[in-house]
């Protein structure tokens, strides 16, 4: 009787293996660049202030704008 239970358990394990392997192969949707990039359009006076007082932030904003335009997130 015990041998029968072990054999049934082995068969069940072998049947479940492909199902588990298929379930683990699900791919997650990768975010598109435009899903996370947003337009940054400060007023001209704000631009001037940032350039004069925080050059690193000004450079980061310019790089962000470049990526935003390169990916055509503005709809063009």
N, C-alpha and C. Protein backbone atom coordinates (compact mmCIF):
# COMPACT_ATOMS: atom_id res chain seq x y z
N UNK A 1 0.82 -1.19 0.00
CA UNK A 1 0.00 0.00 0.00
C UNK A 1 0.87 1.26 0.00
N UNK A 2 1.93 1.24 0.79
CA UNK A 2 2.82 2.39 0.89
C UNK A 2 3.52 2.67 -0.44
N UNK A 3 3.91 1.60 -1.17
CA UNK A 3 4.55 1.76 -2.46
C UNK A 3 3.63 2.45 -3.46
N UNK A 4 2.37 2.18 -3.36
CA UNK A 4 1.38 2.78 -4.24
C UNK A 4 1.28 4.29 -3.99
N UNK A 5 1.31 4.69 -2.73
CA UNK A 5 1.25 6.11 -2.39
C UNK A 5 2.49 6.85 -2.86
N UNK A 6 3.65 6.23 -2.75
CA UNK A 6 4.90 6.87 -3.21
C UNK A 6 4.87 7.03 -4.72
N UNK A 7 4.44 5.98 -5.43
CA UNK A 7 4.38 6.05 -6.89
C UNK A 7 3.38 7.13 -7.34
N UNK A 8 2.27 7.24 -6.66
CA UNK A 8 1.28 8.27 -7.00
C UNK A 8 1.85 9.66 -6.76
N UNK A 9 2.60 9.81 -5.68
CA UNK A 9 3.24 11.10 -5.38
C UNK A 9 4.26 11.48 -6.43
N UNK A 10 5.04 10.49 -6.90
CA UNK A 10 6.04 10.75 -7.94
C UNK A 10 5.35 11.14 -9.23
N UNK A 11 4.29 10.42 -9.59
CA UNK A 11 3.56 10.75 -10.82
C UNK A 11 2.97 12.16 -10.75
N UNK A 12 2.41 12.48 -9.59
CA UNK A 12 1.84 13.82 -9.43
C UNK A 12 2.92 14.88 -9.55
N UNK A 13 4.07 14.63 -8.97
CA UNK A 13 5.18 15.59 -9.06
C UNK A 13 5.62 15.77 -10.50
N UNK A 14 5.71 14.67 -11.24
CA UNK A 14 6.11 14.76 -12.64
C UNK A 14 5.07 15.49 -13.49
N UNK A 15 3.81 15.33 -13.15
CA UNK A 15 2.77 16.05 -13.87
C UNK A 15 2.77 17.55 -13.55
N UNK A 16 3.10 17.88 -12.32
CA UNK A 16 3.09 19.28 -11.90
C UNK A 16 4.32 20.05 -12.39
N UNK A 17 5.41 19.36 -12.66
CA UNK A 17 6.65 20.02 -13.05
C UNK A 17 6.49 20.91 -14.28
N UNK A 18 5.92 20.42 -15.40
CA UNK A 18 5.77 21.31 -16.56
C UNK A 18 4.85 22.50 -16.28
N UNK A 19 3.82 22.28 -15.49
CA UNK A 19 2.90 23.37 -15.16
C UNK A 19 3.63 24.45 -14.38
N UNK A 20 4.42 24.04 -13.42
CA UNK A 20 5.19 25.00 -12.62
C UNK A 20 6.21 25.73 -13.48
N UNK A 21 6.84 25.00 -14.40
CA UNK A 21 7.83 25.64 -15.27
C UNK A 21 7.17 26.68 -16.17
N UNK A 22 6.00 26.36 -16.70
CA UNK A 22 5.30 27.32 -17.55
C UNK A 22 4.84 28.54 -16.75
N UNK A 23 4.40 28.32 -15.55
CA UNK A 23 3.93 29.42 -14.71
C UNK A 23 5.06 30.37 -14.35
N UNK A 24 6.27 29.86 -14.24
CA UNK A 24 7.40 30.71 -13.86
C UNK A 24 7.94 31.50 -15.05
N UNK A 25 7.48 31.22 -16.25
CA UNK A 25 8.00 31.89 -17.44
C UNK A 25 7.19 33.12 -17.83
N UNK A 26 6.31 33.58 -16.99
CA UNK A 26 5.53 34.76 -17.29
C UNK A 26 6.45 35.97 -17.30
N UNK A 27 6.31 36.82 -18.30
CA UNK A 27 7.12 38.02 -18.38
C UNK A 27 6.30 39.22 -17.92
N UNK A 28 6.94 40.08 -17.20
CA UNK A 28 6.29 41.30 -16.74
C UNK A 28 6.36 42.35 -17.84
N UNK A 29 5.35 43.18 -17.91
CA UNK A 29 5.36 44.26 -18.89
C UNK A 29 6.41 45.28 -18.47
N UNK A 30 7.28 45.59 -19.40
CA UNK A 30 8.32 46.57 -19.14
C UNK A 30 7.74 47.96 -19.39
N UNK A 31 8.02 48.86 -18.50
CA UNK A 31 7.51 50.23 -18.64
C UNK A 31 8.16 50.90 -19.86
N UNK A 32 7.38 51.61 -20.58
CA UNK A 32 7.88 52.39 -21.70
C UNK A 32 8.49 53.68 -21.15
N UNK A 33 9.50 54.23 -21.82
CA UNK A 33 10.12 55.46 -21.32
C UNK A 33 9.11 56.60 -21.12
N UNK A 34 8.14 56.71 -22.01
CA UNK A 34 7.17 57.80 -21.89
C UNK A 34 6.19 57.59 -20.74
N UNK A 35 6.17 56.36 -20.17
CA UNK A 35 5.33 56.12 -19.00
C UNK A 35 5.89 56.82 -17.76
N UNK A 36 7.19 57.07 -17.76
CA UNK A 36 7.83 57.65 -16.57
C UNK A 36 8.41 59.03 -16.81
N UNK A 37 8.61 59.43 -18.07
CA UNK A 37 9.13 60.75 -18.36
C UNK A 37 7.99 61.76 -18.41
N UNK A 38 8.15 62.87 -17.75
CA UNK A 38 7.15 63.93 -17.79
C UNK A 38 7.80 65.21 -18.30
N UNK A 39 6.99 66.06 -18.88
CA UNK A 39 7.50 67.33 -19.40
C UNK A 39 7.87 68.26 -18.24
N UNK A 40 9.03 68.85 -18.34
CA UNK A 40 9.46 69.85 -17.36
C UNK A 40 9.63 71.16 -18.13
N UNK A 41 8.71 72.08 -17.92
CA UNK A 41 8.73 73.35 -18.65
C UNK A 41 8.60 74.52 -17.69
N UNK A 42 9.70 74.86 -16.99
CA UNK A 42 9.61 76.00 -16.07
C UNK A 42 9.51 77.32 -16.85
N UNK A 43 9.02 78.33 -16.17
CA UNK A 43 8.92 79.66 -16.76
C UNK A 43 10.33 80.18 -17.05
N UNK A 44 10.46 81.10 -18.00
CA UNK A 44 11.79 81.66 -18.32
C UNK A 44 12.50 82.25 -17.09
N UNK A 45 11.75 82.90 -16.21
CA UNK A 45 12.39 83.47 -15.02
C UNK A 45 12.92 82.36 -14.09
N UNK A 46 12.19 81.26 -14.03
CA UNK A 46 12.65 80.12 -13.23
C UNK A 46 13.89 79.50 -13.86
N UNK A 47 13.88 79.38 -15.18
CA UNK A 47 15.07 78.87 -15.88
C UNK A 47 16.30 79.72 -15.55
N UNK A 48 16.13 81.03 -15.64
CA UNK A 48 17.26 81.94 -15.36
C UNK A 48 17.77 81.76 -13.94
N UNK A 49 16.85 81.64 -13.00
CA UNK A 49 17.23 81.46 -11.59
C UNK A 49 18.00 80.15 -11.40
N UNK A 50 17.48 79.08 -11.99
CA UNK A 50 18.14 77.77 -11.84
C UNK A 50 19.53 77.80 -12.46
N UNK A 51 19.66 78.37 -13.64
CA UNK A 51 20.97 78.44 -14.29
C UNK A 51 21.95 79.25 -13.44
N UNK A 52 21.48 80.34 -12.86
CA UNK A 52 22.37 81.20 -12.06
C UNK A 52 22.72 80.59 -10.71
N UNK A 53 21.80 79.83 -10.11
CA UNK A 53 21.99 79.39 -8.73
C UNK A 53 22.20 77.89 -8.53
N UNK A 54 21.87 77.07 -9.52
CA UNK A 54 22.01 75.62 -9.35
C UNK A 54 22.29 74.99 -10.71
N UNK A 55 23.54 75.13 -11.11
CA UNK A 55 23.95 74.68 -12.45
C UNK A 55 23.69 73.17 -12.65
N UNK A 56 23.95 72.37 -11.64
CA UNK A 56 23.77 70.92 -11.75
C UNK A 56 22.30 70.58 -12.06
N UNK A 57 21.38 71.25 -11.40
CA UNK A 57 19.96 71.01 -11.68
C UNK A 57 19.60 71.46 -13.09
N UNK A 58 20.17 72.56 -13.53
CA UNK A 58 19.92 73.05 -14.89
C UNK A 58 20.38 72.02 -15.93
N UNK A 59 21.55 71.44 -15.70
CA UNK A 59 22.06 70.42 -16.61
C UNK A 59 21.16 69.19 -16.59
N UNK A 60 20.72 68.77 -15.41
CA UNK A 60 19.83 67.61 -15.29
C UNK A 60 18.50 67.83 -16.01
N UNK A 61 17.95 69.02 -15.89
CA UNK A 61 16.70 69.35 -16.58
C UNK A 61 16.90 69.32 -18.09
N UNK A 62 18.02 69.86 -18.55
CA UNK A 62 18.31 69.86 -19.99
C UNK A 62 18.46 68.42 -20.51
N UNK A 63 19.14 67.56 -19.76
CA UNK A 63 19.28 66.17 -20.17
C UNK A 63 17.92 65.46 -20.19
N UNK A 64 17.10 65.76 -19.20
CA UNK A 64 15.76 65.17 -19.13
C UNK A 64 14.93 65.60 -20.34
N UNK A 65 15.00 66.88 -20.67
CA UNK A 65 14.27 67.38 -21.85
C UNK A 65 14.74 66.67 -23.11
N UNK A 66 16.05 66.44 -23.20
CA UNK A 66 16.59 65.73 -24.36
C UNK A 66 16.05 64.32 -24.47
N UNK A 67 16.00 63.60 -23.36
CA UNK A 67 15.44 62.25 -23.38
C UNK A 67 13.95 62.29 -23.72
N UNK A 68 13.23 63.24 -23.15
CA UNK A 68 11.80 63.39 -23.40
C UNK A 68 11.54 63.58 -24.90
N UNK A 69 12.36 64.42 -25.54
CA UNK A 69 12.19 64.67 -26.97
C UNK A 69 12.68 63.49 -27.81
N UNK A 70 13.76 62.85 -27.38
CA UNK A 70 14.30 61.71 -28.14
C UNK A 70 13.32 60.55 -28.22
N UNK A 71 12.57 60.34 -27.17
CA UNK A 71 11.58 59.27 -27.15
C UNK A 71 10.24 59.72 -27.73
N UNK A 72 10.15 60.95 -28.18
CA UNK A 72 8.92 61.49 -28.77
C UNK A 72 7.74 61.39 -27.81
N UNK A 73 8.00 61.69 -26.54
CA UNK A 73 6.94 61.62 -25.53
C UNK A 73 5.94 62.76 -25.68
N UNK A 74 6.31 63.78 -26.43
CA UNK A 74 5.42 64.91 -26.61
C UNK A 74 4.41 64.66 -27.74
N UNK A 75 4.42 63.45 -28.29
CA UNK A 75 3.45 63.10 -29.32
C UNK A 75 3.92 63.35 -30.74
N UNK A 76 5.16 63.80 -30.91
CA UNK A 76 5.65 64.05 -32.27
C UNK A 76 6.42 62.87 -32.79
